[in-house]
Protein backbone atom coordinates (compact mmCIF):
# COMPACT_ATOMS: atom_id res chain seq x y z
CA PHE A 1 -1.89 -27.90 153.69
CA PRO A 2 0.74 -30.78 154.18
CA LYS A 3 -0.77 -34.33 154.57
CA PRO A 4 0.88 -37.58 156.04
CA SER A 5 2.16 -39.67 153.34
CA TYR A 6 0.62 -42.64 154.99
CA LEU A 7 -3.05 -41.39 154.11
CA PHE A 8 -2.38 -41.72 150.21
CA ALA A 9 -3.57 -44.67 148.27
CA LEU A 10 -4.10 -45.97 144.93
CA VAL A 11 -6.34 -48.92 143.78
CA ALA A 12 -6.56 -50.43 140.37
CA GLY A 13 -8.54 -53.68 139.41
CA ASN A 14 -11.67 -54.87 137.95
CA LEU A 15 -14.27 -53.43 140.21
CA GLY A 16 -17.87 -52.87 140.16
CA GLN A 17 -19.37 -49.33 141.47
CA VAL A 18 -22.22 -48.20 143.28
CA ALA A 19 -22.76 -44.40 142.77
CA ASP A 20 -24.54 -41.83 144.79
CA SER A 21 -24.08 -38.24 145.99
CA PHE A 22 -24.32 -36.06 149.06
CA VAL A 23 -25.26 -32.26 149.41
CA THR A 24 -23.26 -30.94 152.15
CA LEU A 25 -24.51 -28.23 154.76
CA SER A 26 -23.05 -25.48 152.67
CA GLY A 27 -24.67 -26.78 149.61
CA ARG A 28 -21.71 -28.50 147.85
CA THR A 29 -22.57 -31.77 145.95
CA VAL A 30 -20.06 -34.46 146.72
CA GLU A 31 -19.89 -37.61 144.41
CA LEU A 32 -19.87 -40.87 146.36
CA GLY A 33 -18.77 -44.30 145.09
CA ILE A 34 -18.40 -47.64 146.51
CA TYR A 35 -16.28 -50.06 144.55
CA VAL A 36 -16.69 -53.77 144.99
CA GLU A 37 -16.07 -57.11 143.22
CA PRO A 38 -17.97 -57.47 140.20
CA GLY A 39 -21.54 -59.00 141.16
CA LYS A 40 -21.55 -57.91 144.75
CA GLU A 41 -22.69 -54.19 143.80
CA LYS A 42 -26.39 -55.17 145.28
CA LEU A 43 -24.85 -55.87 148.57
CA ALA A 44 -23.56 -52.38 149.15
CA GLY A 45 -26.75 -50.42 149.47
CA TYR A 46 -26.83 -50.34 153.26
CA ALA A 47 -23.10 -49.10 153.47
CA MET A 48 -23.85 -46.37 151.04
CA ASP A 49 -26.92 -45.25 153.38
CA ALA A 50 -24.75 -45.47 156.36
CA LEU A 51 -21.96 -43.43 154.66
CA LYS A 52 -24.61 -40.57 153.95
CA ARG A 53 -26.03 -40.56 157.56
CA SER A 54 -22.44 -40.24 158.79
CA MET A 55 -21.61 -37.36 156.62
CA LYS A 56 -24.90 -35.64 157.93
CA TRP A 57 -24.42 -36.57 161.52
CA ASP A 58 -20.83 -35.14 161.51
CA GLU A 59 -22.03 -31.91 160.40
CA GLU A 60 -24.65 -31.62 162.96
CA ALA A 61 -22.83 -33.12 165.83
CA PHE A 62 -19.34 -31.73 165.37
CA GLY A 63 -19.72 -29.09 162.68
CA ARG A 64 -17.49 -31.19 160.32
CA GLU A 65 -18.16 -30.73 156.67
CA TYR A 66 -16.49 -33.05 154.24
CA ASP A 67 -13.97 -31.09 152.27
CA LEU A 68 -13.41 -32.76 148.93
CA ASP A 69 -15.71 -33.04 146.00
CA VAL A 70 -15.46 -36.90 145.76
CA PHE A 71 -15.46 -39.70 148.44
CA ASN A 72 -14.68 -43.20 147.39
CA ILE A 73 -14.70 -46.63 149.45
CA VAL A 74 -13.11 -49.81 147.94
CA ALA A 75 -14.19 -53.08 149.39
CA VAL A 76 -12.28 -56.37 148.76
CA SER A 77 -12.48 -59.81 150.22
CA ASP A 78 -8.55 -59.95 150.35
CA PHE A 79 -7.74 -56.80 152.12
CA ASN A 80 -5.83 -58.00 155.12
CA MET A 81 -6.96 -55.21 157.57
CA GLY A 82 -10.42 -54.25 158.78
CA ALA A 83 -10.47 -50.92 157.06
CA MET A 84 -8.16 -48.09 156.46
CA GLU A 85 -8.97 -44.23 156.39
CA ASN A 86 -6.94 -43.23 153.34
CA LYS A 87 -7.89 -39.71 152.40
CA GLY A 88 -10.96 -39.49 150.13
CA LEU A 89 -10.48 -43.33 149.49
CA ASN A 90 -11.30 -45.58 152.31
CA ILE A 91 -10.12 -49.37 151.86
CA PHE A 92 -12.06 -52.07 153.39
CA ASN A 93 -12.38 -55.75 153.72
CA ASP A 94 -15.75 -56.22 152.18
CA LYS A 95 -16.88 -58.21 155.23
CA TYR A 96 -17.59 -54.69 156.75
CA VAL A 97 -19.33 -53.12 153.78
CA LEU A 98 -21.51 -55.88 152.21
CA ALA A 99 -24.83 -57.23 153.66
CA ASP A 100 -27.47 -59.31 152.12
CA ARG A 101 -30.85 -58.43 153.84
CA GLU A 102 -32.03 -61.96 153.67
CA THR A 103 -29.13 -63.42 155.63
CA ALA A 104 -27.30 -60.61 157.54
CA THR A 105 -28.00 -60.17 161.27
CA ASP A 106 -28.55 -57.05 163.13
CA ALA A 107 -25.18 -57.16 164.39
CA ASP A 108 -23.92 -57.28 160.97
CA PHE A 109 -25.78 -54.02 159.86
CA ALA A 110 -24.70 -52.32 163.24
CA ASN A 111 -21.11 -53.06 162.63
CA ILE A 112 -21.30 -52.01 158.75
CA GLU A 113 -22.91 -48.69 160.01
CA ALA A 114 -20.23 -48.25 162.90
CA ILE A 115 -17.12 -48.99 160.75
CA ILE A 116 -18.28 -47.09 157.73
CA ALA A 117 -18.75 -44.14 160.14
CA HIS A 118 -15.44 -44.62 161.89
CA GLU A 119 -13.42 -44.52 158.83
CA TYR A 120 -15.32 -41.59 157.49
CA PHE A 121 -15.01 -39.54 160.93
CA HIS A 122 -11.11 -40.06 160.54
CA ASN A 123 -11.33 -37.41 157.60
CA TRP A 124 -11.20 -34.86 160.56
CA THR A 125 -9.94 -36.72 163.58
CA GLY A 126 -6.91 -38.56 161.91
CA ASN A 127 -6.41 -36.94 158.41
CA ARG A 128 -6.88 -33.19 158.63
CA ILE A 129 -5.64 -33.40 162.09
CA THR A 130 -3.14 -36.33 162.42
CA CYS A 131 -0.75 -37.56 165.04
CA ARG A 132 2.70 -36.26 165.59
CA ASP A 133 4.06 -39.68 166.25
CA TRP A 134 2.66 -43.20 166.75
CA PHE A 135 2.69 -42.57 170.52
CA GLN A 136 -0.27 -40.18 169.97
CA LEU A 137 -2.12 -42.84 168.28
CA CYS A 138 -5.16 -42.53 170.65
CA LEU A 139 -5.39 -38.95 169.84
CA LYS A 140 -7.12 -40.13 166.35
CA GLU A 141 -8.37 -43.84 167.32
CA GLY A 142 -9.64 -43.36 170.90
CA LEU A 143 -11.24 -39.96 169.75
CA THR A 144 -12.73 -41.55 166.51
CA VAL A 145 -14.07 -44.39 168.52
CA PHE A 146 -15.87 -42.07 170.75
CA ARG A 147 -17.47 -40.44 167.71
CA ASP A 148 -18.57 -43.47 166.18
CA HIS A 149 -19.95 -44.64 169.47
CA GLU A 150 -21.87 -41.64 169.67
CA PHE A 151 -23.10 -41.72 165.99
CA SER A 152 -24.31 -45.44 166.53
CA ALA A 153 -26.12 -44.34 169.98
CA ASP A 154 -27.96 -41.43 167.88
CA GLN A 155 -28.90 -43.96 165.12
CA ARG A 156 -29.92 -46.85 167.29
CA SER A 157 -30.70 -47.20 171.12
CA ARG A 158 -28.33 -45.16 173.22
CA ALA A 159 -28.80 -47.50 176.30
CA VAL A 160 -28.30 -50.74 174.47
CA LYS A 161 -25.20 -49.15 172.67
CA ARG A 162 -23.83 -48.12 176.03
CA ILE A 163 -24.39 -51.53 177.52
CA ALA A 164 -22.38 -52.99 174.61
CA GLU A 165 -19.48 -50.57 175.05
CA VAL A 166 -19.21 -51.62 178.72
CA ARG A 167 -19.41 -55.23 177.88
CA THR A 168 -16.52 -54.80 175.60
CA LEU A 169 -14.42 -52.96 177.93
CA ARG A 170 -15.04 -55.50 180.66
CA ALA A 171 -14.43 -58.42 178.35
CA HIS A 172 -11.13 -57.05 176.42
CA GLN A 173 -9.70 -53.90 177.93
CA PHE A 174 -10.02 -54.64 181.70
CA PRO A 175 -8.16 -58.00 181.41
CA GLU A 176 -5.39 -56.12 179.21
CA ASP A 177 -5.05 -53.56 182.03
CA GLN A 178 -4.67 -56.14 184.57
CA GLY A 179 -2.29 -58.56 182.76
CA PRO A 180 1.35 -58.53 181.83
CA LEU A 181 0.77 -56.46 178.61
CA ALA A 182 -0.84 -53.43 180.55
CA HIS A 183 -0.04 -50.07 179.06
CA PRO A 184 -1.16 -46.64 179.20
CA VAL A 185 -3.45 -45.08 176.79
CA ARG A 186 -0.54 -43.18 175.54
CA PRO A 187 2.21 -46.13 175.38
CA ARG A 188 5.78 -45.05 176.31
CA ARG A 189 7.41 -47.81 174.05
CA TYR A 190 6.76 -50.45 171.53
CA ARG A 191 8.68 -53.41 169.87
CA GLU A 192 6.46 -53.29 166.48
CA ILE A 193 3.89 -50.73 165.47
CA ASN A 194 0.99 -53.26 165.47
CA ASN A 195 1.56 -53.54 169.12
CA PHE A 196 -0.36 -50.14 169.59
CA TYR A 197 -3.56 -51.33 168.09
CA THR A 198 -5.06 -52.46 171.39
CA ALA A 199 -8.25 -52.19 173.34
CA THR A 200 -6.56 -49.80 175.65
CA VAL A 201 -5.66 -47.18 172.69
CA TYR A 202 -9.03 -47.75 171.15
CA GLU A 203 -11.70 -48.44 173.63
CA LYS A 204 -10.24 -46.97 176.82
CA GLY A 205 -9.08 -43.99 174.81
CA SER A 206 -12.57 -43.59 173.87
CA GLU A 207 -13.59 -43.57 177.55
CA VAL A 208 -11.17 -41.03 178.42
CA VAL A 209 -12.58 -38.53 175.89
CA ARG A 210 -16.22 -39.35 177.16
CA MET A 211 -14.90 -38.55 180.74
CA ILE A 212 -13.68 -35.25 179.50
CA ARG A 213 -17.30 -34.63 178.23
CA THR A 214 -18.86 -35.80 181.41
CA ILE A 215 -16.51 -33.45 183.53
CA LEU A 216 -17.12 -30.39 181.23
CA GLY A 217 -20.68 -30.91 180.12
CA ALA A 218 -22.04 -31.31 176.57
CA ASP A 219 -21.79 -27.61 175.48
CA VAL A 220 -18.41 -26.80 176.84
CA PHE A 221 -17.14 -30.07 175.36
CA ARG A 222 -18.29 -29.14 172.06
CA ALA A 223 -16.61 -25.69 172.41
CA GLY A 224 -13.46 -27.42 173.15
CA MET A 225 -13.69 -29.83 169.99
CA ASP A 226 -14.52 -26.63 167.92
CA LEU A 227 -11.40 -25.00 169.26
CA TYR A 228 -9.39 -28.17 168.62
CA PHE A 229 -10.39 -28.29 164.97
CA GLU A 230 -9.90 -24.62 164.39
CA ARG A 231 -6.44 -24.50 166.26
CA HIS A 232 -4.93 -27.77 164.85
CA ASP A 233 -6.62 -28.14 161.31
CA GLY A 234 -3.63 -29.34 159.14
CA ASP A 235 -1.32 -30.12 162.30
CA ALA A 236 0.33 -33.19 163.65
CA ALA A 237 -0.92 -32.80 167.10
CA THR A 238 -0.24 -34.25 170.67
CA ILE A 239 -2.29 -35.37 173.62
CA GLU A 240 -1.31 -32.27 175.23
CA ASP A 241 -2.57 -30.26 172.36
CA PHE A 242 -5.87 -31.98 172.93
CA ILE A 243 -6.08 -31.45 176.64
CA LYS A 244 -5.11 -28.00 176.32
CA VAL A 245 -8.15 -26.78 174.29
CA PHE A 246 -10.46 -28.26 176.87
CA GLU A 247 -8.65 -26.24 179.52
CA ASP A 248 -8.81 -23.03 177.44
CA ALA A 249 -12.62 -23.65 176.52
CA SER A 250 -13.44 -24.35 180.17
CA GLY A 251 -10.89 -22.54 182.23
CA ARG A 252 -10.40 -25.72 184.20
CA ASP A 253 -6.95 -27.44 185.14
CA LEU A 254 -7.17 -30.89 183.70
CA SER A 255 -3.49 -31.75 184.54
CA GLN A 256 -4.77 -34.37 187.10
CA PHE A 257 -7.11 -35.74 184.81
CA ALA A 258 -4.21 -36.03 182.04
CA LEU A 259 -3.05 -38.84 184.11
CA TRP A 260 -5.50 -41.10 182.39
CA TYR A 261 -3.43 -40.95 179.26
CA HIS A 262 -0.12 -41.67 181.23
CA GLN A 263 -0.74 -44.23 183.70
CA ALA A 264 -1.88 -47.80 183.01
CA GLY A 265 -4.36 -49.86 185.20
CA THR A 266 -8.06 -49.87 186.08
CA PRO A 267 -8.89 -48.09 189.10
CA ASN A 268 -10.89 -49.88 191.92
CA LEU A 269 -13.47 -48.11 194.01
CA THR A 270 -14.95 -49.30 197.18
CA ILE A 271 -18.15 -47.19 198.06
CA SER A 272 -20.14 -46.86 201.14
CA SER A 273 -23.15 -44.76 201.93
CA THR A 274 -25.08 -43.62 205.01
CA HIS A 275 -28.54 -41.89 204.94
CA ASN A 276 -29.89 -39.55 207.77
CA PRO A 277 -33.53 -39.15 207.07
CA ALA A 278 -34.15 -36.79 210.04
CA ALA A 279 -31.30 -34.36 208.76
CA GLN A 280 -32.13 -35.17 205.08
CA GLU A 281 -28.54 -36.07 204.50
CA PHE A 282 -26.93 -38.66 202.28
CA THR A 283 -23.16 -39.20 202.60
CA LEU A 284 -21.13 -41.08 200.04
CA GLU A 285 -17.64 -42.30 200.84
CA ILE A 286 -15.34 -43.42 198.02
CA GLU A 287 -12.09 -45.11 198.59
CA GLN A 288 -9.94 -45.50 195.24
CA SER A 289 -6.97 -47.65 194.70
CA VAL A 290 -5.05 -48.57 191.44
CA PRO A 291 -3.36 -51.95 191.33
CA PRO A 292 0.17 -52.03 190.14
CA THR A 293 1.17 -53.13 186.68
CA PRO A 294 4.20 -54.39 185.19
CA SER A 295 5.89 -51.25 184.56
CA GLU A 296 4.41 -49.20 187.46
CA SER A 297 4.42 -50.38 191.04
CA ARG A 298 3.26 -47.08 192.62
CA LYS A 299 0.06 -45.34 191.33
CA ARG A 300 -1.21 -42.01 191.76
CA LEU A 301 -5.00 -41.43 192.36
CA MET A 302 -7.20 -40.76 189.10
CA HIS A 303 -9.76 -38.03 188.75
CA ILE A 304 -13.09 -39.97 187.91
CA PRO A 305 -16.21 -38.25 187.32
CA LEU A 306 -19.01 -39.81 189.14
CA ALA A 307 -22.77 -39.48 188.51
CA PHE A 308 -25.44 -40.89 190.81
CA GLY A 309 -28.99 -40.32 191.78
CA LEU A 310 -31.26 -40.91 194.86
CA ILE A 311 -34.47 -42.96 194.45
CA GLY A 312 -37.12 -42.80 197.21
CA ALA A 313 -39.49 -45.46 198.74
CA GLY A 314 -41.86 -44.94 196.27
CA GLY A 315 -39.66 -45.34 193.29
CA LYS A 316 -39.30 -41.67 192.51
CA PRO A 317 -36.19 -39.43 192.38
């Protein structure tokens, strides 16, 4: 099928290789290679292990089997981006591939695992299904961040991973949403394409996907993702295409929810509650406001899924 030209790459140089293989769910053998600067081969073992775990997880969690017979990673110290998901040939700065077990921290290993997974997961969410235009960038980046977050949560502690994600949102994305550069998850304009690579597109984009799963439930969300892959494999898709598969899978109208892709800003919630023990009633009152941003002075209310639980005096639900 047609493939976007930006995904093609060629690497030539004096490189060492770490080789392995992976057997897919259907029984095909995929040859794996990580190419690094000579002398650094022994530092690529954890990255290779993370790659194989990523491939297995994507088969189990999303039903996505790798489609080629070869998958290579090239990691060099002077690549000026973090990593790039070129089809079948991911290119990395070796900071995100190499780790010495004597000196690397837990955070180093976690970052390698997450970024290896992120670029591999782009094979389906970004490569086989790509974006119609750069205004749809969150369709591949926000969705793939969600996928790599879920992978890391399953590999490690889900609670610890979730705390880290929320800290990142509060430290980087919330200020962006409240400042002069606030923009929607799907921006309307740009001066230069690198302006699109923001915490809003990546991290908030991931959280929008997470809210879809919360609203629909895990089973319906998976059905929607299966439909997305089936319907749009080989396509240059849009946000509207993405929302539509979940509407079709669930029978629900998500037009109000889609505002998350089009409206900038972080909603503020004021929550109060009352409890009537005699009537065994608990009332939760929620007031929502969305502060104005530079390009939008008047805001519409957002569809926000809310989960809560009640704990009794004895500490039990």
